[in-house]
Structures are given as structure tokens and as C-alpha cells.
Amino acid sequence: MKKQIAACAIQLLFSGCRAFSIEALREKLRELLVEEADPALRRVASVSAVDLVAALLAANSRLKEVGLQVRVTGGMVSLWAGPVKGRKMAAYLSEATGESGDPVLTESLMEVLGCVHLKQPIWQAQIDRYFDCDKRAQIMRLRELGLVEAVKDDQGRHQYITTEAFRQRFGG
């Protein structure tokens, strides 16, 4: 059952090219599989959040073999590619996908990083509004990379700003 859950969820993550909240991923699986004739697929439609996360994390060892990883961070689930090996391969993938060519800073991360830099300090809701979609996964990744940090405003709410590491890497 875990393999079936992981397969369906990873197919959604891969085809959608975006992160999902755990609940949104569960809801999308339910929506797409609840009426299937195959009973195994109908069981996936009713998976719990705990079983979904467990299945995805269990699949990571097999995904690692082909350079992929499922990440669950801050309630968000995303599919990540490992670092691209080879200069020509990285250049080709950059051209083919429109990504930055930097396996760490994808185009999506660069867009969010630019938004934070230009509008700082900025709340998560403002970032999401600018892009008309949820960018929590990108903010989490930028925080992991040390390029963005959360600071509290006068009322104790978190806002995002760029870090010293950002200024050293990009200037300004």
C-alpha cells in the first residue's frame, strides 16, 4: 500500500512541478482517485496525512538512486532534483527548462529571492499575492540556504528579509 501511495503522490508532485501542502496533496489524491474502479487506488484516495508522509519518506531511498528527493518541510511536500553532474548537462537543462542552471537556486527560488530583496521586509501573504500562488516551500528553502531570514515586526509577526550571506553572494 505504501508504494502505491508514494507512486500516486510523486506522480502529482512531478507532473505539477510545484509543492503541495500535505492536506492539499491528500485532497488532490482523493479528488482524482475516489471514483477509480481499482480498489487499491480507492484506498489511496482515503489515505491519512501520517500514512502519506510515511509513504513519501519511505520512497526517498529509492528516489535517491535516480537523483530525486521528496522533502516535507513546514507542512509542504515537494520533489527536488539532486545537484546536476557535469557542466554540459547543467547548461542543457538550464536552457531546456528555463531554470537558472544553478542546481541549488532554481528560477522559482530566484524569483522569490528577488521579491524579498526588493520588497523587504515582506510578509508571506504578500509574497503569495505577488505570485498568485503559495510560495512557502520556496521561502523555506531560501531559509535553509541562509539567503532569507524571518524577523518580527512591532506586533510580533514574521516578515522576511535577505541575509548577510545574500549580500556577500549577490552584493547590495
N, C-alpha and C. Protein backbone atom coordinates (compact mmCIF):
# COMPACT_ATOMS: atom_id res chain seq x y z
N MET A 1 0.83 -1.20 0.00
CA MET A 1 0.00 0.00 0.00
C MET A 1 0.87 1.26 0.00
N LYS A 2 1.98 1.24 0.80
CA LYS A 2 2.85 2.42 0.85
C LYS A 2 3.41 2.77 -0.51
N LYS A 3 3.79 1.75 -1.28
CA LYS A 3 4.35 2.00 -2.61
C LYS A 3 3.32 2.66 -3.52
N GLN A 4 2.08 2.21 -3.43
CA GLN A 4 1.00 2.78 -4.25
C GLN A 4 0.74 4.23 -3.86
N ILE A 5 0.72 4.50 -2.56
CA ILE A 5 0.52 5.88 -2.07
C ILE A 5 1.65 6.77 -2.57
N ALA A 6 2.89 6.31 -2.39
CA ALA A 6 4.04 7.10 -2.81
C ALA A 6 4.03 7.33 -4.31
N ALA A 7 3.73 6.29 -5.08
CA ALA A 7 3.72 6.42 -6.54
C ALA A 7 2.72 7.48 -7.00
N CYS A 8 1.51 7.42 -6.48
CA CYS A 8 0.49 8.40 -6.88
C CYS A 8 0.87 9.82 -6.45
N ALA A 9 1.35 9.97 -5.23
CA ALA A 9 1.72 11.30 -4.74
C ALA A 9 2.90 11.87 -5.51
N ILE A 10 3.91 11.04 -5.78
CA ILE A 10 5.09 11.52 -6.51
C ILE A 10 4.73 11.87 -7.94
N GLN A 11 3.83 11.13 -8.55
CA GLN A 11 3.37 11.49 -9.90
C GLN A 11 2.72 12.87 -9.89
N LEU A 12 1.92 13.16 -8.87
CA LEU A 12 1.32 14.50 -8.75
C LEU A 12 2.38 15.58 -8.55
N LEU A 13 3.32 15.33 -7.67
CA LEU A 13 4.38 16.30 -7.42
C LEU A 13 5.19 16.55 -8.68
N PHE A 14 5.51 15.49 -9.39
CA PHE A 14 6.33 15.61 -10.60
C PHE A 14 5.57 16.32 -11.72
N SER A 15 4.35 15.92 -11.95
CA SER A 15 3.60 16.50 -13.07
C SER A 15 3.18 17.94 -12.80
N GLY A 16 2.95 18.27 -11.53
CA GLY A 16 2.54 19.63 -11.20
C GLY A 16 3.69 20.59 -11.07
N CYS A 17 4.91 20.07 -10.95
CA CYS A 17 6.12 20.89 -10.81
C CYS A 17 5.96 21.95 -9.73
N ARG A 18 5.31 21.58 -8.64
CA ARG A 18 5.13 22.54 -7.56
C ARG A 18 5.00 21.79 -6.24
N ALA A 19 5.11 22.53 -5.16
CA ALA A 19 4.92 21.96 -3.84
C ALA A 19 3.44 21.96 -3.49
N PHE A 20 3.05 21.04 -2.65
CA PHE A 20 1.70 20.97 -2.11
C PHE A 20 1.79 20.99 -0.60
N SER A 21 0.79 21.55 0.06
CA SER A 21 0.70 21.30 1.50
C SER A 21 0.28 19.85 1.64
N ILE A 22 0.54 19.25 2.78
CA ILE A 22 0.17 17.85 2.99
C ILE A 22 -1.33 17.67 2.78
N GLU A 23 -2.12 18.58 3.32
CA GLU A 23 -3.57 18.49 3.17
C GLU A 23 -4.02 18.67 1.73
N ALA A 24 -3.40 19.59 1.00
CA ALA A 24 -3.76 19.80 -0.40
C ALA A 24 -3.41 18.58 -1.24
N LEU A 25 -2.29 17.94 -0.94
CA LEU A 25 -1.90 16.73 -1.65
C LEU A 25 -2.89 15.59 -1.36
N ARG A 26 -3.29 15.45 -0.09
CA ARG A 26 -4.30 14.44 0.27
C ARG A 26 -5.61 14.70 -0.46
N GLU A 27 -6.02 15.97 -0.48
CA GLU A 27 -7.28 16.33 -1.13
C GLU A 27 -7.23 16.05 -2.64
N LYS A 28 -6.10 16.37 -3.26
CA LYS A 28 -5.96 16.13 -4.71
C LYS A 28 -5.98 14.63 -4.99
N LEU A 29 -5.33 13.83 -4.17
CA LEU A 29 -5.37 12.37 -4.35
C LEU A 29 -6.81 11.86 -4.21
N ARG A 30 -7.51 12.37 -3.21
CA ARG A 30 -8.90 11.96 -3.01
C ARG A 30 -9.75 12.33 -4.22
N GLU A 31 -9.60 13.56 -4.65
CA GLU A 31 -10.38 14.07 -5.80
C GLU A 31 -10.14 13.23 -7.05
N LEU A 32 -8.91 12.84 -7.29
CA LEU A 32 -8.58 12.15 -8.53
C LEU A 32 -8.80 10.64 -8.48
N LEU A 33 -8.81 10.06 -7.28
CA LEU A 33 -8.83 8.60 -7.19
C LEU A 33 -10.07 8.00 -6.55
N VAL A 34 -10.93 8.80 -5.95
CA VAL A 34 -12.06 8.26 -5.19
C VAL A 34 -13.02 7.44 -6.04
N GLU A 35 -13.13 7.73 -7.31
CA GLU A 35 -14.08 7.02 -8.17
C GLU A 35 -13.43 5.95 -9.05
N GLU A 36 -12.18 5.64 -8.80
CA GLU A 36 -11.48 4.64 -9.60
C GLU A 36 -12.06 3.25 -9.38
N ALA A 37 -12.02 2.42 -10.42
CA ALA A 37 -12.51 1.04 -10.32
C ALA A 37 -11.55 0.17 -9.50
N ASP A 38 -10.26 0.46 -9.58
CA ASP A 38 -9.24 -0.31 -8.87
C ASP A 38 -9.33 -0.02 -7.36
N PRO A 39 -9.62 -1.05 -6.54
CA PRO A 39 -9.75 -0.82 -5.10
C PRO A 39 -8.47 -0.28 -4.45
N ALA A 40 -7.31 -0.66 -4.97
CA ALA A 40 -6.04 -0.15 -4.41
C ALA A 40 -5.95 1.35 -4.59
N LEU A 41 -6.39 1.86 -5.73
CA LEU A 41 -6.38 3.32 -5.96
C LEU A 41 -7.41 4.01 -5.08
N ARG A 42 -8.56 3.39 -4.88
CA ARG A 42 -9.57 3.98 -3.99
C ARG A 42 -9.05 4.06 -2.56
N ARG A 43 -8.24 3.07 -2.13
CA ARG A 43 -7.64 3.13 -0.79
C ARG A 43 -6.67 4.30 -0.68
N VAL A 44 -5.93 4.58 -1.74
CA VAL A 44 -5.02 5.74 -1.74
C VAL A 44 -5.82 7.03 -1.57
N ALA A 45 -7.03 7.06 -2.12
CA ALA A 45 -7.88 8.25 -2.02
C ALA A 45 -8.25 8.57 -0.58
N SER A 46 -8.20 7.59 0.29
CA SER A 46 -8.60 7.84 1.69
C SER A 46 -7.42 7.80 2.65
N VAL A 47 -6.23 8.00 2.15
CA VAL A 47 -5.02 7.92 2.98
C VAL A 47 -4.99 9.05 4.01
N SER A 48 -4.46 8.73 5.20
CA SER A 48 -4.31 9.75 6.24
C SER A 48 -3.05 10.56 5.98
N ALA A 49 -2.94 11.71 6.61
CA ALA A 49 -1.76 12.56 6.45
C ALA A 49 -0.51 11.83 6.94
N VAL A 50 -0.62 11.11 8.05
CA VAL A 50 0.52 10.38 8.61
C VAL A 50 0.98 9.30 7.64
N ASP A 51 0.04 8.54 7.08
CA ASP A 51 0.40 7.48 6.14
C ASP A 51 0.99 8.06 4.85
N LEU A 52 0.48 9.19 4.42
CA LEU A 52 1.01 9.84 3.21
C LEU A 52 2.46 10.26 3.42
N VAL A 53 2.74 10.93 4.52
CA VAL A 53 4.12 11.37 4.80
C VAL A 53 5.03 10.17 4.98
N ALA A 54 4.57 9.15 5.69
CA ALA A 54 5.39 7.95 5.90
C ALA A 54 5.72 7.27 4.58
N ALA A 55 4.76 7.18 3.69
CA ALA A 55 4.99 6.55 2.38
C ALA A 55 5.98 7.36 1.55
N LEU A 56 5.85 8.67 1.58
CA LEU A 56 6.76 9.52 0.81
C LEU A 56 8.19 9.43 1.34
N LEU A 57 8.33 9.46 2.64
CA LEU A 57 9.68 9.38 3.22
C LEU A 57 10.30 8.01 2.99
N ALA A 58 9.48 6.97 3.02
CA ALA A 58 9.98 5.62 2.75
C ALA A 58 10.46 5.49 1.30
N ALA A 59 9.86 6.23 0.40
CA ALA A 59 10.24 6.17 -1.02
C ALA A 59 11.55 6.90 -1.30
N ASN A 60 12.00 7.74 -0.37
CA ASN A 60 13.21 8.54 -0.60
C ASN A 60 14.44 7.71 -0.92
N SER A 61 14.59 6.56 -0.30
CA SER A 61 15.79 5.76 -0.57
C SER A 61 15.82 5.30 -2.02
N ARG A 62 14.67 4.94 -2.57
CA ARG A 62 14.61 4.52 -3.98
C ARG A 62 14.77 5.73 -4.90
N LEU A 63 14.21 6.86 -4.53
CA LEU A 63 14.33 8.06 -5.35
C LEU A 63 15.77 8.56 -5.41
N LYS A 64 16.48 8.43 -4.30
CA LYS A 64 17.87 8.90 -4.23
C LYS A 64 18.73 8.23 -5.30
N GLU A 65 18.42 6.98 -5.60
CA GLU A 65 19.18 6.25 -6.61
C GLU A 65 19.12 6.91 -7.98
N VAL A 66 18.06 7.66 -8.24
CA VAL A 66 17.92 8.34 -9.54
C VAL A 66 18.03 9.85 -9.41
N GLY A 67 18.57 10.32 -8.30
CA GLY A 67 18.85 11.75 -8.14
C GLY A 67 17.66 12.61 -7.75
N LEU A 68 16.66 12.01 -7.12
CA LEU A 68 15.48 12.77 -6.69
C LEU A 68 15.31 12.63 -5.18
N GLN A 69 14.51 13.54 -4.61
CA GLN A 69 14.25 13.52 -3.18
C GLN A 69 12.90 14.16 -2.91
N VAL A 70 12.11 13.54 -2.03
CA VAL A 70 10.88 14.16 -1.55
C VAL A 70 11.23 14.88 -0.26
N ARG A 71 10.83 16.15 -0.17
CA ARG A 71 11.07 16.91 1.05
C ARG A 71 9.73 17.28 1.66
N VAL A 72 9.66 17.14 2.98
CA VAL A 72 8.49 17.57 3.74
C VAL A 72 9.01 18.59 4.74
N THR A 73 8.71 19.85 4.49
CA THR A 73 9.22 20.94 5.33
C THR A 73 8.10 21.91 5.62
N GLY A 74 7.86 22.17 6.88
CA GLY A 74 6.85 23.14 7.27
C GLY A 74 5.47 22.83 6.73
N GLY A 75 5.13 21.53 6.66
CA GLY A 75 3.82 21.14 6.17
C GLY A 75 3.70 21.14 4.65
N MET A 76 4.81 21.42 3.96
CA MET A 76 4.81 21.43 2.49
C MET A 76 5.58 20.23 1.97
N VAL A 77 5.06 19.62 0.91
CA VAL A 77 5.70 18.46 0.29
C VAL A 77 6.16 18.89 -1.09
N SER A 78 7.43 18.60 -1.41
CA SER A 78 7.95 18.96 -2.74
C SER A 78 8.92 17.90 -3.22
N LEU A 79 9.09 17.85 -4.52
CA LEU A 79 10.01 16.92 -5.15
C LEU A 79 11.21 17.72 -5.63
N TRP A 80 12.41 17.28 -5.25
CA TRP A 80 13.64 18.01 -5.58
C TRP A 80 14.57 17.12 -6.37
N ALA A 81 15.29 17.73 -7.28
CA ALA A 81 16.36 17.03 -8.01
C ALA A 81 17.67 17.29 -7.29
N GLY A 82 18.53 16.31 -7.30
CA GLY A 82 19.85 16.49 -6.71
C GLY A 82 20.70 17.36 -7.62
N PRO A 83 21.89 17.70 -7.17
CA PRO A 83 22.78 18.50 -8.00
C PRO A 83 23.05 17.83 -9.34
N VAL A 84 23.06 18.63 -10.39
CA VAL A 84 23.31 18.12 -11.73
C VAL A 84 24.81 17.90 -11.89
N LYS A 85 25.18 16.72 -12.34
CA LYS A 85 26.58 16.40 -12.55
C LYS A 85 26.97 16.77 -13.98
N GLY A 86 28.03 17.48 -14.13
CA GLY A 86 28.53 17.80 -15.46
C GLY A 86 28.12 19.17 -15.93
N ARG A 87 29.09 19.92 -16.42
CA ARG A 87 28.88 21.29 -16.88
C ARG A 87 27.92 21.35 -18.07
N LYS A 88 28.13 20.47 -19.06
CA LYS A 88 27.28 20.48 -20.25
C LYS A 88 25.85 20.06 -19.92
N MET A 89 25.72 19.09 -19.02
CA MET A 89 24.38 18.65 -18.60
C MET A 89 23.64 19.80 -17.92
N ALA A 90 24.32 20.51 -17.03
CA ALA A 90 23.70 21.64 -16.33
C ALA A 90 23.29 22.73 -17.32
N ALA A 91 24.15 23.02 -18.29
CA ALA A 91 23.83 24.04 -19.29
C ALA A 91 22.63 23.63 -20.13
N TYR A 92 22.59 22.37 -20.55
CA TYR A 92 21.48 21.87 -21.36
C TYR A 92 20.17 21.96 -20.57
N LEU A 93 20.18 21.48 -19.33
CA LEU A 93 18.96 21.50 -18.52
C LEU A 93 18.53 22.94 -18.24
N SER A 94 19.47 23.83 -18.06
CA SER A 94 19.15 25.23 -17.85
C SER A 94 18.42 25.81 -19.06
N GLU A 95 18.94 25.50 -20.23
CA GLU A 95 18.32 26.01 -21.47
C GLU A 95 16.97 25.36 -21.71
N ALA A 96 16.88 24.06 -21.48
CA ALA A 96 15.65 23.32 -21.76
C ALA A 96 14.52 23.67 -20.80
N THR A 97 14.86 23.96 -19.54
CA THR A 97 13.82 24.18 -18.54
C THR A 97 13.61 25.65 -18.20
N GLY A 98 14.56 26.50 -18.61
CA GLY A 98 14.46 27.91 -18.23
C GLY A 98 14.90 28.15 -16.81
N GLU A 99 15.43 27.14 -16.15
CA GLU A 99 15.92 27.30 -14.78
C GLU A 99 17.27 28.00 -14.79
N SER A 100 17.73 28.38 -13.63
CA SER A 100 18.94 29.20 -13.51
C SER A 100 20.22 28.48 -13.91
N GLY A 101 20.20 27.16 -13.95
CA GLY A 101 21.42 26.42 -14.20
C GLY A 101 22.15 26.11 -12.91
N ASP A 102 21.83 26.82 -11.86
CA ASP A 102 22.37 26.55 -10.54
C ASP A 102 21.43 25.52 -9.91
N PRO A 103 21.92 24.29 -9.64
CA PRO A 103 21.01 23.27 -9.13
C PRO A 103 20.42 23.62 -7.78
N VAL A 104 21.01 24.58 -7.09
CA VAL A 104 20.50 24.98 -5.78
C VAL A 104 19.47 26.09 -5.93
N LEU A 105 19.75 27.08 -6.78
CA LEU A 105 18.84 28.21 -6.96
C LEU A 105 18.09 28.09 -8.28
N THR A 106 16.92 27.50 -8.22
CA THR A 106 16.08 27.37 -9.40
C THR A 106 15.49 28.73 -9.76
N GLU A 107 14.86 28.79 -10.91
CA GLU A 107 14.23 30.04 -11.34
C GLU A 107 13.16 30.48 -10.33
N SER A 108 12.40 29.53 -9.84
CA SER A 108 11.36 29.84 -8.86
C SER A 108 11.96 30.43 -7.58
N LEU A 109 13.06 29.85 -7.11
CA LEU A 109 13.73 30.39 -5.92
C LEU A 109 14.29 31.78 -6.19
N MET A 110 14.87 31.97 -7.37
CA MET A 110 15.43 33.28 -7.72
C MET A 110 14.33 34.35 -7.77
N GLU A 111 13.16 34.00 -8.30
CA GLU A 111 12.05 34.95 -8.36
C GLU A 111 11.62 35.37 -6.95
N VAL A 112 11.47 34.40 -6.06
CA VAL A 112 11.05 34.71 -4.69
C VAL A 112 12.15 35.48 -3.97
N LEU A 113 13.39 35.09 -4.17
CA LEU A 113 14.52 35.79 -3.55
C LEU A 113 14.56 37.25 -4.02
N GLY A 114 14.36 37.48 -5.31
CA GLY A 114 14.31 38.84 -5.84
C GLY A 114 13.18 39.64 -5.23
N CYS A 115 12.03 39.02 -5.06
CA CYS A 115 10.87 39.69 -4.46
C CYS A 115 11.19 40.10 -3.03
N VAL A 116 11.77 39.19 -2.25
CA VAL A 116 12.12 39.50 -0.86
C VAL A 116 13.13 40.65 -0.84
N HIS A 117 14.13 40.57 -1.70
CA HIS A 117 15.17 41.61 -1.72
C HIS A 117 14.58 42.98 -2.05
N LEU A 118 13.70 43.04 -3.05
CA LEU A 118 13.15 44.33 -3.48
C LEU A 118 12.09 44.88 -2.53
N LYS A 119 11.35 44.03 -1.86
CA LYS A 119 10.21 44.47 -1.05
C LYS A 119 10.45 44.34 0.46
N GLN A 120 11.64 43.95 0.88
CA GLN A 120 11.87 43.67 2.30
C GLN A 120 11.67 44.89 3.17
N PRO A 121 11.17 44.68 4.39
CA PRO A 121 10.65 43.42 4.92
C PRO A 121 9.28 43.10 4.32
N ILE A 122 9.00 41.81 4.14
CA ILE A 122 7.78 41.39 3.46
C ILE A 122 7.18 40.18 4.17
N TRP A 123 5.85 40.15 4.27
CA TRP A 123 5.14 39.02 4.88
C TRP A 123 4.91 37.93 3.84
N GLN A 124 4.73 36.71 4.30
CA GLN A 124 4.46 35.57 3.41
C GLN A 124 3.22 35.83 2.56
N ALA A 125 2.18 36.37 3.15
CA ALA A 125 0.94 36.63 2.40
C ALA A 125 1.19 37.60 1.23
N GLN A 126 2.06 38.57 1.43
CA GLN A 126 2.37 39.50 0.34
C GLN A 126 3.10 38.78 -0.79
N ILE A 127 4.03 37.92 -0.44
CA ILE A 127 4.76 37.15 -1.46
C ILE A 127 3.79 36.30 -2.26
N ASP A 128 2.92 35.59 -1.55
CA ASP A 128 1.94 34.73 -2.22
C ASP A 128 1.02 35.53 -3.13
N ARG A 129 0.65 36.72 -2.70
CA ARG A 129 -0.21 37.58 -3.50
C ARG A 129 0.49 38.04 -4.78
N TYR A 130 1.77 38.41 -4.68
CA TYR A 130 2.53 38.84 -5.86
C TYR A 130 2.57 37.75 -6.93
N PHE A 131 2.73 36.50 -6.49
CA PHE A 131 2.87 35.39 -7.43
C PHE A 131 1.55 34.67 -7.69
N ASP A 132 0.52 35.03 -6.97
CA ASP A 132 -0.80 34.42 -7.09
C ASP A 132 -0.76 32.92 -6.83
N CYS A 133 0.14 32.50 -5.93
CA CYS A 133 0.19 31.10 -5.52
C CYS A 133 1.03 30.99 -4.23
N ASP A 134 0.98 29.84 -3.61
CA ASP A 134 1.67 29.59 -2.35
C ASP A 134 3.17 29.42 -2.59
N LYS A 135 3.97 30.24 -1.95
CA LYS A 135 5.43 30.19 -2.10
C LYS A 135 6.14 29.82 -0.80
N ARG A 136 5.40 29.17 0.13
CA ARG A 136 6.02 28.80 1.41
C ARG A 136 7.20 27.84 1.22
N ALA A 137 7.09 26.91 0.29
CA ALA A 137 8.18 25.95 0.08
C ALA A 137 9.45 26.67 -0.38
N GLN A 138 9.29 27.67 -1.24
CA GLN A 138 10.46 28.42 -1.70
C GLN A 138 11.09 29.22 -0.57
N ILE A 139 10.25 29.84 0.26
CA ILE A 139 10.78 30.60 1.40
C ILE A 139 11.52 29.65 2.35
N MET A 140 10.94 28.49 2.61
CA MET A 140 11.60 27.51 3.49
C MET A 140 12.97 27.12 2.92
N ARG A 141 13.04 26.89 1.62
CA ARG A 141 14.31 26.50 1.00
C ARG A 141 15.32 27.65 1.07
N LEU A 142 14.87 28.87 0.82
CA LEU A 142 15.77 30.03 0.90
C LEU A 142 16.27 30.23 2.33
N ARG A 143 15.44 29.93 3.30
CA ARG A 143 15.88 30.00 4.70
C ARG A 143 16.91 28.91 4.99
N GLU A 144 16.68 27.69 4.46
CA GLU A 144 17.65 26.60 4.63
C GLU A 144 19.00 26.99 4.03
N LEU A 145 18.98 27.69 2.90
CA LEU A 145 20.21 28.11 2.23
C LEU A 145 20.86 29.31 2.90
N GLY A 146 20.17 29.90 3.87
CA GLY A 146 20.72 31.04 4.60
C GLY A 146 20.66 32.35 3.84
N LEU A 147 19.81 32.43 2.80
CA LEU A 147 19.71 33.65 2.00
C LEU A 147 18.59 34.56 2.46
N VAL A 148 17.63 34.02 3.21
CA VAL A 148 16.48 34.77 3.72
C VAL A 148 16.32 34.40 5.18
N GLU A 149 15.92 35.37 5.99
CA GLU A 149 15.63 35.08 7.39
C GLU A 149 14.32 35.76 7.80
N ALA A 150 13.72 35.22 8.85
CA ALA A 150 12.49 35.80 9.38
C ALA A 150 12.85 36.75 10.52
N VAL A 151 12.21 37.91 10.52
CA VAL A 151 12.35 38.87 11.62
C VAL A 151 10.94 39.23 12.07
N LYS A 152 10.82 39.67 13.31
CA LYS A 152 9.49 40.02 13.83
C LYS A 152 9.27 41.52 13.69
N ASP A 153 8.03 41.88 13.31
CA ASP A 153 7.67 43.29 13.25
C ASP A 153 7.24 43.76 14.64
N ASP A 154 6.74 44.97 14.75
CA ASP A 154 6.37 45.56 16.04
C ASP A 154 5.32 44.72 16.79
N GLN A 155 4.47 44.01 16.04
CA GLN A 155 3.41 43.23 16.67
C GLN A 155 3.77 41.74 16.79
N GLY A 156 5.04 41.40 16.55
CA GLY A 156 5.49 40.03 16.71
C GLY A 156 5.23 39.12 15.53
N ARG A 157 4.80 39.67 14.39
CA ARG A 157 4.55 38.86 13.20
C ARG A 157 5.84 38.72 12.40
N HIS A 158 6.02 37.56 11.77
CA HIS A 158 7.23 37.32 10.99
C HIS A 158 7.17 37.99 9.62
N GLN A 159 8.28 38.63 9.28
CA GLN A 159 8.50 39.17 7.94
C GLN A 159 9.83 38.61 7.46
N TYR A 160 10.04 38.65 6.15
CA TYR A 160 11.26 38.09 5.59
C TYR A 160 12.16 39.19 5.04
N ILE A 161 13.46 39.00 5.26
CA ILE A 161 14.48 39.90 4.73
C ILE A 161 15.63 39.04 4.21
N THR A 162 16.48 39.63 3.38
CA THR A 162 17.67 38.92 2.92
C THR A 162 18.74 38.99 4.01
N THR A 163 19.70 38.09 3.93
CA THR A 163 20.72 37.94 4.96
C THR A 163 22.06 38.50 4.50
N GLU A 164 23.01 38.47 5.40
CA GLU A 164 24.39 38.85 5.06
C GLU A 164 24.94 37.91 3.99
N ALA A 165 24.59 36.63 4.07
CA ALA A 165 25.04 35.66 3.05
C ALA A 165 24.53 36.06 1.67
N PHE A 166 23.29 36.57 1.60
CA PHE A 166 22.75 37.07 0.33
C PHE A 166 23.61 38.23 -0.17
N ARG A 167 23.89 39.19 0.71
CA ARG A 167 24.66 40.37 0.31
C ARG A 167 26.07 39.99 -0.14
N GLN A 168 26.68 39.01 0.50
CA GLN A 168 28.01 38.56 0.10
C GLN A 168 27.98 37.89 -1.27
N ARG A 169 26.92 37.12 -1.51
CA ARG A 169 26.84 36.38 -2.77
C ARG A 169 26.42 37.26 -3.95
N PHE A 170 25.46 38.16 -3.70
CA PHE A 170 24.87 38.94 -4.80
C PHE A 170 25.19 40.43 -4.74
N GLY A 171 25.77 40.88 -3.64
CA GLY A 171 26.02 42.32 -3.47
C GLY A 171 24.75 43.01 -3.01
N GLY A 172 24.88 44.26 -2.60
CA GLY A 172 23.69 45.05 -2.20
C GLY A 172 23.16 44.64 -0.91
